[in-house]
PDB file of N, CA and C in Angstrom:
ATOM      1  N   MET A   1     103.222  65.169 122.463  1.00  0.00           N
ATOM      2  CA  MET A   1     102.254  65.895 122.539  1.00  0.00           C
ATOM      3  C   MET A   1     101.591  66.276 123.774  1.00  0.00           C
ATOM      4  N   LEU A   2     100.520  66.943 123.411  1.00  0.00           N
ATOM      5  CA  LEU A   2     100.117  67.383 124.878  1.00  0.00           C
ATOM      6  C   LEU A   2      98.644  67.573 124.658  1.00  0.00           C
ATOM      7  N   PHE A   3      97.937  66.784 125.843  1.00  0.00           N
ATOM      8  CA  PHE A   3      96.353  66.199 125.876  1.00  0.00           C
ATOM      9  C   PHE A   3      95.828  67.790 126.137  1.00  0.00           C
ATOM     10  N   ARG A   4      94.815  68.307 125.981  1.00  0.00           N
ATOM     11  CA  ARG A   4      93.968  68.958 126.054  1.00  0.00           C
ATOM     12  C   ARG A   4      92.475  68.361 126.656  1.00  0.00           C
ATOM     13  N   SER A   5      92.314  68.252 127.382  1.00  0.00           N
ATOM     14  CA  SER A   5      90.752  67.319 127.424  1.00  0.00           C
ATOM     15  C   SER A   5      89.819  69.087 128.229  1.00  0.00           C
ATOM     16  N   VAL A   6      88.636  69.404 127.216  1.00  0.00           N
ATOM     17  CA  VAL A   6      87.585  69.932 127.597  1.00  0.00           C
ATOM     18  C   VAL A   6      86.277  69.736 128.204  1.00  0.00           C
ATOM     19  N   SER A   7      85.863  70.127 128.817  1.00  0.00           N
ATOM     20  CA  SER A   7      84.746  69.518 129.237  1.00  0.00           C
ATOM     21  C   SER A   7      83.726  70.390 128.557  1.00  0.00           C
ATOM     22  N   SER A   8      82.433  69.950 127.951  1.00  0.00           N
ATOM     23  CA  SER A   8      81.489  70.785 127.792  1.00  0.00           C
ATOM     24  C   SER A   8      80.709  71.072 128.793  1.00  0.00           C
ATOM     25  N   PRO A   9      80.212  72.675 128.689  1.00  0.00           N
ATOM     26  CA  PRO A   9      79.372  73.140 129.780  1.00  0.00           C
ATOM     27  C   PRO A   9      77.335  72.636 129.318  1.00  0.00           C
ATOM     28  N   LEU A  10      77.594  72.042 128.465  1.00  0.00           N
ATOM     29  CA  LEU A  10      76.440  72.028 127.761  1.00  0.00           C
ATOM     30  C   LEU A  10      75.765  70.853 128.392  1.00  0.00           C
ATOM     31  N   THR A  11      74.449  70.770 128.148  1.00  0.00           N
ATOM     32  CA  THR A  11      73.998  69.280 128.825  1.00  0.00           C
ATOM     33  C   THR A  11      73.776  68.157 127.346  1.00  0.00           C
ATOM     34  N   PRO A  12      73.900  67.237 127.704  1.00  0.00           N
ATOM     35  CA  PRO A  12      73.282  66.268 126.008  1.00  0.00           C
ATOM     36  C   PRO A  12      72.371  66.978 125.131  1.00  0.00           C
ATOM     37  N   LYS A  13      71.190  67.071 125.807  1.00  0.00           N
ATOM     38  CA  LYS A  13      70.196  67.907 124.803  1.00  0.00           C
ATOM     39  C   LYS A  13      70.568  69.402 124.353  1.00  0.00           C
ATOM     40  N   GLU A  14      70.697  69.839 125.510  1.00  0.00           N
ATOM     41  CA  GLU A  14      71.604  70.990 124.316  1.00  0.00           C
ATOM     42  C   GLU A  14      72.639  70.943 123.173  1.00  0.00           C
ATOM     43  N   THR A  15      73.695  69.624 123.710  1.00  0.00           N
ATOM     44  CA  THR A  15      74.268  69.600 122.311  1.00  0.00           C
ATOM     45  C   THR A  15      73.411  69.201 121.283  1.00  0.00           C
ATOM     46  N   LEU A  16      72.772  68.164 121.197  1.00  0.00           N
ATOM     47  CA  LEU A  16      71.901  67.952 120.203  1.00  0.00           C
ATOM     48  C   LEU A  16      70.958  68.832 119.550  1.00  0.00           C
ATOM     49  N   VAL A  17      70.548  69.676 120.074  1.00  0.00           N
ATOM     50  CA  VAL A  17      69.570  71.237 120.022  1.00  0.00           C
ATOM     51  C   VAL A  17      70.497  71.626 118.436  1.00  0.00           C
ATOM     52  N   LEU A  18      71.739  71.797 119.172  1.00  0.00           N
ATOM     53  CA  LEU A  18      73.002  72.680 118.979  1.00  0.00           C
ATOM     54  C   LEU A  18      73.495  71.839 117.229  1.00  0.00           C
ATOM     55  N   LYS A  19      73.762  71.006 117.533  1.00  0.00           N
ATOM     56  CA  LYS A  19      74.176  70.016 116.475  1.00  0.00           C
ATOM     57  C   LYS A  19      72.693  70.390 115.329  1.00  0.00           C
ATOM     58  N   HIS A  20      71.699  70.135 115.671  1.00  0.00           N
ATOM     59  CA  HIS A  20      70.208  70.465 114.925  1.00  0.00           C
ATOM     60  C   HIS A  20      70.471  71.776 113.977  1.00  0.00           C
ATOM     61  N   LEU A  21      70.545  72.653 115.454  1.00  0.00           N
ATOM     62  CA  LEU A  21      70.908  74.434 114.810  1.00  0.00           C
ATOM     63  C   LEU A  21      71.878  74.381 113.545  1.00  0.00           C
ATOM     64  N   MET A  22      73.176  73.650 113.991  1.00  0.00           N
ATOM     65  CA  MET A  22      74.058  73.552 112.704  1.00  0.00           C
ATOM     66  C   MET A  22      73.637  73.045 111.427  1.00  0.00           C
ATOM     67  N   LYS A  23      72.848  72.328 111.350  1.00  0.00           N
ATOM     68  CA  LYS A  23      72.171  71.401 110.165  1.00  0.00           C
ATOM     69  C   LYS A  23      71.648  72.533 109.250  1.00  0.00           C
ATOM     70  N   GLY A  24      71.028  73.801 110.378  1.00  0.00           N
ATOM     71  CA  GLY A  24      69.943  74.616 109.313  1.00  0.00           C
ATOM     72  C   GLY A  24      68.439  74.340 109.802  1.00  0.00           C
ATOM     73  N   LEU A  25      68.346  73.195 111.077  1.00  0.00           N
ATOM     74  CA  LEU A  25      66.844  73.167 111.099  1.00  0.00           C
ATOM     75  C   LEU A  25      66.302  74.364 112.234  1.00  0.00           C
ATOM     76  N   SER A  26      65.015  74.853 111.878  1.00  0.00           N
ATOM     77  CA  SER A  26      64.525  75.996 112.892  1.00  0.00           C
ATOM     78  C   SER A  26      64.312  75.142 113.820  1.00  0.00           C
ATOM     79  N   GLY A  27      63.691  76.285 114.804  1.00  0.00           N
ATOM     80  CA  GLY A  27      63.066  75.238 115.999  1.00  0.00           C
ATOM     81  C   GLY A  27      61.701  74.308 116.242  1.00  0.00           C
ATOM     82  N   LYS A  28      61.303  74.982 114.995  1.00  0.00           N
ATOM     83  CA  LYS A  28      60.254  73.965 115.193  1.00  0.00           C
ATOM     84  C   LYS A  28      60.735  72.623 114.639  1.00  0.00           C
ATOM     85  N   GLN A  29      61.229  72.648 114.016  1.00  0.00           N
ATOM     86  CA  GLN A  29      62.027  71.353 113.072  1.00  0.00           C
ATOM     87  C   GLN A  29      62.289  70.612 113.983  1.00  0.00           C
ATOM     88  N   ILE A  30      63.533  71.183 114.619  1.00  0.00           N
ATOM     89  CA  ILE A  30      63.919  70.414 116.012  1.00  0.00           C
ATOM     90  C   ILE A  30      62.919  70.038 117.027  1.00  0.00           C
ATOM     91  N   ALA A  31      62.082  70.541 117.420  1.00  0.00           N
ATOM     92  CA  ALA A  31      60.849  70.238 118.496  1.00  0.00           C
ATOM     93  C   ALA A  31      60.202  68.974 117.875  1.00  0.00           C
ATOM     94  N   ALA A  32      60.009  69.045 116.936  1.00  0.00           N
ATOM     95  CA  ALA A  32      58.974  68.134 116.123  1.00  0.00           C
ATOM     96  C   ALA A  32      59.964  66.800 115.931  1.00  0.00           C
ATOM     97  N   ARG A  33      61.326  66.759 115.593  1.00  0.00           N
ATOM     98  CA  ARG A  33      62.292  65.613 115.193  1.00  0.00           C
ATOM     99  C   ARG A  33      62.682  65.269 116.802  1.00  0.00           C
ATOM    100  N   LEU A  34      62.792  66.184 118.039  1.00  0.00           N
ATOM    101  CA  LEU A  34      62.956  65.742 119.264  1.00  0.00           C
ATOM    102  C   LEU A  34      61.976  65.079 119.987  1.00  0.00           C
ATOM    103  N   LYS A  35      60.734  65.397 119.345  1.00  0.00           N
ATOM    104  CA  LYS A  35      60.103  65.141 120.479  1.00  0.00           C
ATOM    105  C   LYS A  35      59.650  65.929 121.407  1.00  0.00           C
ATOM    106  N   LEU A  36      59.750  67.455 121.378  1.00  0.00           N
ATOM    107  CA  LEU A  36      59.608  68.578 122.572  1.00  0.00           C
ATOM    108  C   LEU A  36      58.695  69.535 121.725  1.00  0.00           C
ATOM    109  N   SER A  37      58.541  70.211 123.006  1.00  0.00           N
ATOM    110  CA  SER A  37      57.580  71.304 122.788  1.00  0.00           C
ATOM    111  C   SER A  37      58.575  72.456 121.930  1.00  0.00           C
ATOM    112  N   ILE A  38      58.121  73.661 121.716  1.00  0.00           N
ATOM    113  CA  ILE A  38      59.305  74.483 120.590  1.00  0.00           C
ATOM    114  C   ILE A  38      59.275  75.503 121.998  1.00  0.00           C
ATOM    115  N   ASN A  39      58.918  75.611 123.429  1.00  0.00           N
ATOM    116  CA  ASN A  39      59.323  75.888 124.043  1.00  0.00           C
ATOM    117  C   ASN A  39      60.365  75.723 124.941  1.00  0.00           C
ATOM    118  N   THR A  40      60.525  74.324 124.875  1.00  0.00           N
ATOM    119  CA  THR A  40      61.764  73.643 125.700  1.00  0.00           C
ATOM    120  C   THR A  40      62.753  73.739 124.494  1.00  0.00           C
ATOM    121  N   VAL A  41      63.126  73.534 122.880  1.00  0.00           N
ATOM    122  CA  VAL A  41      63.534  74.165 122.335  1.00  0.00           C
ATOM    123  C   VAL A  41      64.217  75.619 122.670  1.00  0.00           C
ATOM    124  N   ASN A  42      63.526  76.543 122.663  1.00  0.00           N
ATOM    125  CA  ASN A  42      63.982  77.731 122.360  1.00  0.00           C
ATOM    126  C   ASN A  42      64.590  77.990 123.955  1.00  0.00           C
ATOM    127  N   THR A  43      64.438  77.237 124.988  1.00  0.00           N
ATOM    128  CA  THR A  43      64.830  77.445 126.298  1.00  0.00           C
ATOM    129  C   THR A  43      66.009  77.064 126.832  1.00  0.00           C
ATOM    130  N   HIS A  44      66.360  75.632 125.863  1.00  0.00           N
ATOM    131  CA  HIS A  44      67.591  75.307 125.322  1.00  0.00           C
ATOM    132  C   HIS A  44      68.767  76.098 124.543  1.00  0.00           C
ATOM    133  N   ARG A  45      68.109  76.919 123.628  1.00  0.00           N
ATOM    134  CA  ARG A  45      68.641  77.790 122.585  1.00  0.00           C
ATOM    135  C   ARG A  45      69.363  78.661 123.431  1.00  0.00           C
ATOM    136  N   LYS A  46      68.731  79.604 124.539  1.00  0.00           N
ATOM    137  CA  LYS A  46      68.656  80.594 125.393  1.00  0.00           C
ATOM    138  C   LYS A  46      69.714  79.959 126.497  1.00  0.00           C
ATOM    139  N   SER A  47      69.800  79.103 126.926  1.00  0.00           N
ATOM    140  CA  SER A  47      70.712  77.919 127.729  1.00  0.00           C
ATOM    141  C   SER A  47      72.439  78.071 127.106  1.00  0.00           C
ATOM    142  N   ILE A  48      72.360  78.088 125.553  1.00  0.00           N
ATOM    143  CA  ILE A  48      73.359  77.712 124.866  1.00  0.00           C
ATOM    144  C   ILE A  48      73.807  78.831 124.742  1.00  0.00           C
ATOM    145  N   LEU A  49      73.108  79.787 124.812  1.00  0.00           N
ATOM    146  CA  LEU A  49      73.733  81.529 124.245  1.00  0.00           C
ATOM    147  C   LEU A  49      74.232  81.964 125.540  1.00  0.00           C
ATOM    148  N   LYS A  50      73.888  81.643 126.919  1.00  0.00           N
ATOM    149  CA  LYS A  50      74.112  82.071 128.407  1.00  0.00           C
ATOM    150  C   LYS A  50      75.270  81.217 128.250  1.00  0.00           C
ATOM    151  N   LYS A  51      75.429  79.937 128.420  1.00  0.00           N
ATOM    152  CA  LYS A  51      76.901  79.061 128.679  1.00  0.00           C
ATOM    153  C   LYS A  51      77.607  79.593 127.769  1.00  0.00           C
ATOM    154  N   SER A  52      77.672  79.641 126.327  1.00  0.00           N
ATOM    155  CA  SER A  52      79.164  79.914 125.571  1.00  0.00           C
ATOM    156  C   SER A  52      79.393  81.773 125.606  1.00  0.00           C
ATOM    157  N   LYS A  53      78.281  82.479 126.297  1.00  0.00           N
ATOM    158  CA  LYS A  53      78.474  84.080 126.511  1.00  0.00           C
ATOM    159  C   LYS A  53      78.454  84.649 124.860  1.00  0.00           C
ATOM    160  N   ALA A  54      77.390  83.997 124.167  1.00  0.00           N
ATOM    161  CA  ALA A  54      77.602  84.721 122.676  1.00  0.00           C
ATOM    162  C   ALA A  54      76.242  85.428 122.685  1.00  0.00           C
ATOM    163  N   LYS A  55      76.111  86.392 121.544  1.00  0.00           N
ATOM    164  CA  LYS A  55      75.003  86.952 121.100  1.00  0.00           C
ATOM    165  C   LYS A  55      74.182  86.194 120.389  1.00  0.00           C
ATOM    166  N   ASN A  56      74.271  85.489 119.717  1.00  0.00           N
ATOM    167  CA  ASN A  56      73.779  84.514 118.733  1.00  0.00           C
ATOM    168  C   ASN A  56      74.047  83.560 118.134  1.00  0.00           C
ATOM    169  N   MET A  57      73.171  82.793 117.802  1.00  0.00           N
ATOM    170  CA  MET A  57      73.634  80.964 117.932  1.00  0.00           C
ATOM    171  C   MET A  57      74.812  80.900 116.651  1.00  0.00           C
ATOM    172  N   SER A  58      75.300  81.814 115.677  1.00  0.00           N
ATOM    173  CA  SER A  58      76.394  81.351 115.303  1.00  0.00           C
ATOM    174  C   SER A  58      77.665  81.728 116.041  1.00  0.00           C
ATOM    175  N   GLU A  59      77.237  82.485 116.904  1.00  0.00           N
ATOM    176  CA  GLU A  59      78.688  83.146 117.722  1.00  0.00           C
ATOM    177  C   GLU A  59      78.243  81.880 118.897  1.00  0.00           C
ATOM    178  N   ALA A  60      77.417  80.978 119.184  1.00  0.00           N
ATOM    179  CA  ALA A  60      77.674  80.162 120.048  1.00  0.00           C
ATOM    180  C   ALA A  60      77.807  78.903 119.543  1.00  0.00           C
ATOM    181  N   ILE A  61      77.818  78.833 118.208  1.00  0.00           N
ATOM    182  CA  ILE A  61      78.056  77.467 117.263  1.00  0.00           C
ATOM    183  C   ILE A  61      79.516  77.891 117.556  1.00  0.00           C
ATOM    184  N   ARG A  62      80.321  78.847 116.738  1.00  0.00           N
ATOM    185  CA  ARG A  62      81.629  78.917 116.486  1.00  0.00           C
ATOM    186  C   ARG A  62      82.386  78.952 117.644  1.00  0.00           C
ATOM    187  N   THR A  63      81.727  79.240 119.227  1.00  0.00           N
ATOM    188  CA  THR A  63      82.196  79.036 120.588  1.00  0.00           C
ATOM    189  C   THR A  63      82.549  77.544 120.756  1.00  0.00           C
ATOM    190  N   ALA A  64      81.316  76.934 120.322  1.00  0.00           N
ATOM    191  CA  ALA A  64      81.414  75.381 120.450  1.00  0.00           C
ATOM    192  C   ALA A  64      82.182  74.469 119.821  1.00  0.00           C
ATOM    193  N   LEU A  65      82.653  74.956 118.982  1.00  0.00           N
ATOM    194  CA  LEU A  65      83.767  74.260 117.935  1.00  0.00           C
ATOM    195  C   LEU A  65      84.922  74.691 118.161  1.00  0.00           C
ATOM    196  N   GLU A  66      85.130  75.526 118.568  1.00  0.00           N
ATOM    197  CA  GLU A  66      86.346  76.164 119.178  1.00  0.00           C
ATOM    198  C   GLU A  66      86.823  75.367 120.218  1.00  0.00           C
ATOM    199  N   ASN A  67      85.882  75.471 121.387  1.00  0.00           N
ATOM    200  CA  ASN A  67      85.954  74.953 122.266  1.00  0.00           C
ATOM    201  C   ASN A  67      86.005  73.563 122.248  1.00  0.00           C
ATOM    202  N   ASP A  68      86.006  72.934 121.226  1.00  0.00           N
ATOM    203  CA  ASP A  68      85.528  71.333 121.230  1.00  0.00           C
ATOM    204  C   ASP A  68      84.869  70.674 122.143  1.00  0.00           C
ATOM    205  N   TRP A  69      83.303  71.768 122.085  1.00  0.00           N
ATOM    206  CA  TRP A  69      82.064  70.901 123.260  1.00  0.00           C
ATOM    207  C   TRP A  69      81.309  70.278 122.150  1.00  0.00           C
ATOM    208  N   ILE A  70      81.552  70.472 120.955  1.00  0.00           N
ATOM    209  CA  ILE A  70      80.777  69.220 119.779  1.00  0.00           C
ATOM    210  C   ILE A  70      81.810  69.210 118.664  1.00  0.00           C
ATOM    211  N   ALA A  71      81.367  68.043 117.747  1.00  0.00           N
ATOM    212  CA  ALA A  71      82.738  67.573 116.917  1.00  0.00           C
ATOM    213  C   ALA A  71      81.671  68.553 115.691  1.00  0.00           C
ATOM    214  N   ASP A  72      82.204  68.992 114.711  1.00  0.00           N
ATOM    215  CA  ASP A  72      82.262  69.148 113.399  1.00  0.00           C
ATOM    216  C   ASP A  72      81.688  68.304 112.454  1.00  0.00           C
ATOM    217  N   GLU A  73      80.178  68.408 112.420  1.00  0.00           N
ATOM    218  CA  GLU A  73      79.589  66.850 111.526  1.00  0.00           C
ATOM    219  C   GLU A  73      79.393  68.268 110.547  1.00  0.00           C
ATOM    220  N   LYS A  74      79.662  67.665 109.182  1.00  0.00           N
ATOM    221  CA  LYS A  74      79.340  68.441 108.224  1.00  0.00           C
ATOM    222  C   LYS A  74      78.291  67.468 107.540  1.00  0.00           C
TER     223      LYS A  74
END
């Protein structure tokens, strides 16, 4: 069996924001739950897009799942 270890380029906070986005929460909802400003959440979203080289959050989520950056939570 081959062992593949992929390190995520996302910070823990970016990963948390992405997981909340996967659940369908809005930026305002994420900000309230994580006790962050909406500007901070938006900064994390921009960083996620840049690091995943995605055009939108759906593409960023797909990239994160395909590369094992986050676990697929249902």
